[in-house]
Amino acid sequence: MEVHSAKARFGEILKRTSLQSHEEPDFRLASGKMSRHYVDCKQALSDPEARALVGQLILERIDGISFDAVGGMEIGAYPIATSVSDAIFRATGAKVQAFVVRKEPKQHGVRGLIAGSVNPGDKTLIVDDVVTSGSSTITALEGARQVGLLVERVIVLIDREEENGRQNIEAQGVSFEALLTLSELLDDL
């Protein structure tokens, strides 16, 4: 499937399963802002076709760049990370470890902040579902760096293009890319 049609198909799945819009700003976002539009990517990511498309689209964007690990904040980033890890393995045979950054270190066992098999010095791609202010993505990035992962790139599914999310993330010294913007999702409505 070519890039444009994969992106269009992923957008269709998001619109059908994950996008809600109201006349009034009824949705409270994680940033605290009220919005007329809400995108719950977990709904789309329950669909195996959507996960395959996410893996394919991100794989195309990292073409030629190798990573040791891919991950982000629990729980939203995990299906994205595993989709990317699986797509890389299918395409190249390379084993890129998927992981999540916990909201707080586990209180038992090894008490780790990271769940997944990663090591200090691993070149790491951070992924996320929706970016508004970028705070959860930055928390994941900081958590990954705290355990010694090397993070230079962030790819998200949706950039809401609000509250300086892109700029806030790029201020962390990483490149930022979104598969879609909220305005692209809303264009056909």
Protein backbone atom coordinates (compact mmCIF):
# COMPACT_ATOMS: atom_id res chain seq x y z
CA MET A 1 0.00 0.00 0.00
CA GLU A 2 1.51 3.39 -0.93
CA VAL A 3 2.10 6.09 1.68
CA HIS A 4 -0.83 8.34 0.72
CA SER A 5 -3.36 5.53 0.65
CA ALA A 6 -2.04 4.05 3.93
CA LYS A 7 -2.33 7.48 5.55
CA ALA A 8 -5.81 7.98 4.08
CA ARG A 9 -6.95 4.55 5.26
CA PHE A 10 -5.57 5.15 8.76
CA GLY A 11 -7.39 8.50 8.79
CA GLU A 12 -10.63 6.75 7.82
CA ILE A 13 -10.26 4.28 10.69
CA LEU A 14 -9.54 7.12 13.14
CA LYS A 15 -12.60 9.07 11.98
CA ARG A 16 -14.85 6.02 12.26
CA THR A 17 -13.61 4.76 15.63
CA SER A 18 -11.81 7.51 17.54
CA LEU A 19 -12.88 11.03 16.57
CA GLN A 20 -15.73 12.70 18.42
CA SER A 21 -16.89 16.26 17.74
CA HIS A 22 -19.49 18.42 19.46
CA GLU A 23 -20.85 21.89 18.78
CA GLU A 24 -19.63 23.08 22.20
CA PRO A 25 -16.24 22.42 23.84
CA ASP A 26 -17.43 19.49 25.99
CA PHE A 27 -14.21 17.45 26.05
CA ARG A 28 -11.58 18.06 28.74
CA LEU A 29 -8.16 17.19 27.37
CA ALA A 30 -5.25 15.85 29.43
CA SER A 31 -3.79 19.37 29.25
CA GLY A 32 -6.92 20.67 31.04
CA LYS A 33 -8.10 22.60 27.99
CA MET A 34 -11.69 22.18 26.82
CA SER A 35 -12.19 21.23 23.18
CA ARG A 36 -14.94 20.57 20.66
CA HIS A 37 -12.96 17.59 19.35
CA TYR A 38 -11.59 14.48 21.03
CA VAL A 39 -9.51 11.71 19.49
CA ASP A 40 -9.24 8.48 21.49
CA CYS A 41 -6.64 6.56 19.50
CA LYS A 42 -6.99 3.52 21.77
CA GLN A 43 -10.24 2.81 19.93
CA ALA A 44 -8.52 2.73 16.53
CA LEU A 45 -5.51 0.83 17.89
CA SER A 46 -7.77 -2.05 18.93
CA ASP A 47 -8.10 -2.73 15.16
CA PRO A 48 -5.29 -4.92 13.72
CA GLU A 49 -5.50 -3.10 10.38
CA ALA A 50 -4.92 0.25 12.11
CA ARG A 51 -1.92 -1.15 14.02
CA ALA A 52 -0.45 -2.53 10.78
CA LEU A 53 -0.93 0.84 9.09
CA VAL A 54 0.73 2.65 12.01
CA GLY A 55 3.71 0.30 11.82
CA GLN A 56 3.97 0.79 8.06
CA LEU A 57 3.61 4.58 8.18
CA ILE A 58 6.20 5.04 10.92
CA LEU A 59 8.57 2.54 9.27
CA GLU A 60 8.42 4.65 6.09
CA ARG A 61 9.25 7.79 8.08
CA ILE A 62 12.32 6.24 9.72
CA ASP A 63 13.56 4.75 6.44
CA GLY A 64 17.25 4.02 6.76
CA ILE A 65 17.52 5.08 10.42
CA SER A 66 18.12 2.27 12.87
CA PHE A 67 16.83 2.19 16.43
CA ASP A 68 17.44 -0.23 19.28
CA ALA A 69 14.16 0.58 21.06
CA VAL A 70 10.79 2.23 20.52
CA GLY A 71 8.38 3.30 23.24
CA GLY A 72 6.53 6.00 25.13
CA MET A 73 4.13 6.63 28.01
CA GLU A 74 1.98 3.84 29.32
CA ILE A 75 -0.64 2.85 28.12
CA GLY A 76 -1.28 4.81 24.92
CA ALA A 77 2.16 4.38 23.38
CA TYR A 78 2.45 0.63 23.87
CA PRO A 79 0.33 -0.54 20.90
CA ILE A 80 2.14 2.02 18.74
CA ALA A 81 5.56 0.84 19.92
CA THR A 82 4.75 -2.83 19.36
CA SER A 83 3.31 -2.05 15.91
CA VAL A 84 6.54 -0.27 14.94
CA SER A 85 8.74 -2.98 16.45
CA ASP A 86 6.78 -5.67 14.58
CA ALA A 87 6.88 -3.73 11.27
CA ILE A 88 10.64 -3.28 11.51
CA PHE A 89 11.13 -6.97 12.28
CA ARG A 90 8.92 -8.06 9.36
CA ALA A 91 10.63 -5.66 6.93
CA THR A 92 14.28 -6.04 7.96
CA GLY A 93 14.65 -8.81 10.53
CA ALA A 94 16.04 -6.25 13.01
CA LYS A 95 14.88 -6.65 16.60
CA VAL A 96 13.83 -3.26 17.97
CA GLN A 97 12.62 -3.62 21.55
CA ALA A 98 9.24 -2.12 22.50
CA PHE A 99 8.90 -0.53 25.94
CA VAL A 100 6.74 1.80 28.01
CA VAL A 101 7.61 4.50 30.47
CA ARG A 102 5.54 4.11 33.62
CA LYS A 103 3.81 7.14 35.09
CA GLU A 104 5.69 6.36 38.29
CA PRO A 105 8.30 3.72 39.14
CA LYS A 106 6.89 0.33 40.03
CA GLN A 107 6.65 -0.05 43.80
CA HIS A 108 7.63 -3.74 43.89
CA GLY A 109 10.01 -6.09 42.12
CA VAL A 110 12.83 -4.19 40.42
CA ARG A 111 10.94 -0.90 40.91
CA GLY A 112 11.66 0.19 37.37
CA LEU A 113 10.42 3.25 35.52
CA ILE A 114 10.66 1.38 32.20
CA ALA A 115 8.81 -1.81 31.29
CA GLY A 116 10.62 -3.58 28.47
CA SER A 117 14.05 -4.94 27.61
CA VAL A 118 16.14 -1.82 26.99
CA ASN A 119 19.68 -0.84 27.97
CA PRO A 120 21.49 2.42 28.64
CA GLY A 121 22.88 3.75 25.38
CA ASP A 122 20.09 2.28 23.23
CA LYS A 123 19.16 4.58 20.35
CA THR A 124 15.45 5.15 20.96
CA LEU A 125 12.38 6.40 19.10
CA ILE A 126 9.65 7.87 21.30
CA VAL A 127 6.07 7.43 20.04
CA ASP A 128 2.76 8.79 21.30
CA ASP A 129 -0.87 8.85 20.25
CA VAL A 130 -2.10 12.46 20.51
CA VAL A 131 -0.07 15.62 21.22
CA THR A 132 -1.65 18.81 22.51
CA SER A 133 0.83 20.53 24.84
CA GLY A 134 3.34 17.69 24.54
CA SER A 135 3.62 17.17 28.30
CA SER A 136 3.07 13.38 28.31
CA THR A 137 5.45 12.92 25.38
CA ILE A 138 8.07 15.01 27.19
CA THR A 139 7.53 12.95 30.36
CA ALA A 140 8.20 9.78 28.33
CA LEU A 141 11.25 11.34 26.72
CA GLU A 142 12.62 12.44 30.10
CA GLY A 143 11.94 9.01 31.62
CA ALA A 144 13.75 7.29 28.75
CA ARG A 145 16.71 9.62 29.11
CA GLN A 146 16.71 9.14 32.89
CA VAL A 147 17.56 5.46 32.39
CA GLY A 148 20.21 6.25 29.79
CA LEU A 149 18.32 5.81 26.52
CA LEU A 150 19.42 8.08 23.67
CA VAL A 151 16.41 9.89 22.24
CA GLU A 152 16.64 12.15 19.19
CA ARG A 153 13.29 11.57 17.49
CA VAL A 154 9.58 11.59 18.33
CA ILE A 155 6.77 10.43 16.05
CA VAL A 156 3.12 10.75 17.08
CA LEU A 157 -0.13 9.67 15.49
CA ILE A 158 -1.98 13.01 15.82
CA ASP A 159 -0.77 16.54 16.40
CA ARG A 160 -3.68 18.67 17.60
CA GLU A 161 -1.63 21.74 16.56
CA GLU A 162 -2.55 23.48 19.80
CA GLU A 163 -0.78 24.63 22.93
CA ASN A 164 2.67 24.53 21.23
CA GLY A 165 2.99 20.75 21.52
CA ARG A 166 5.40 20.45 18.59
CA GLN A 167 7.54 23.36 19.79
CA ASN A 168 7.58 22.10 23.39
CA ILE A 169 8.78 18.68 22.24
CA GLU A 170 11.35 20.07 19.80
CA ALA A 171 12.71 22.24 22.65
CA GLN A 172 13.88 18.94 24.19
CA GLY A 173 16.43 18.59 21.39
CA VAL A 174 14.53 16.04 19.30
CA SER A 175 12.94 16.05 15.88
CA PHE A 176 9.15 15.78 15.82
CA GLU A 177 6.76 14.37 13.26
CA ALA A 178 3.05 13.52 13.24
CA LEU A 179 1.32 11.04 10.95
CA LEU A 180 -1.77 13.29 10.88
CA THR A 181 -2.97 16.59 12.26
CA LEU A 182 -6.35 17.21 13.81
CA SER A 183 -7.14 19.64 11.01
CA GLU A 184 -6.46 16.89 8.45
CA LEU A 185 -8.89 14.60 10.29
CA LEU A 186 -11.52 17.34 10.39
CA ASP A 187 -11.10 18.40 6.74
CA ASP A 188 -13.53 15.83 5.40
CA LEU A 189 -16.21 16.46 8.04
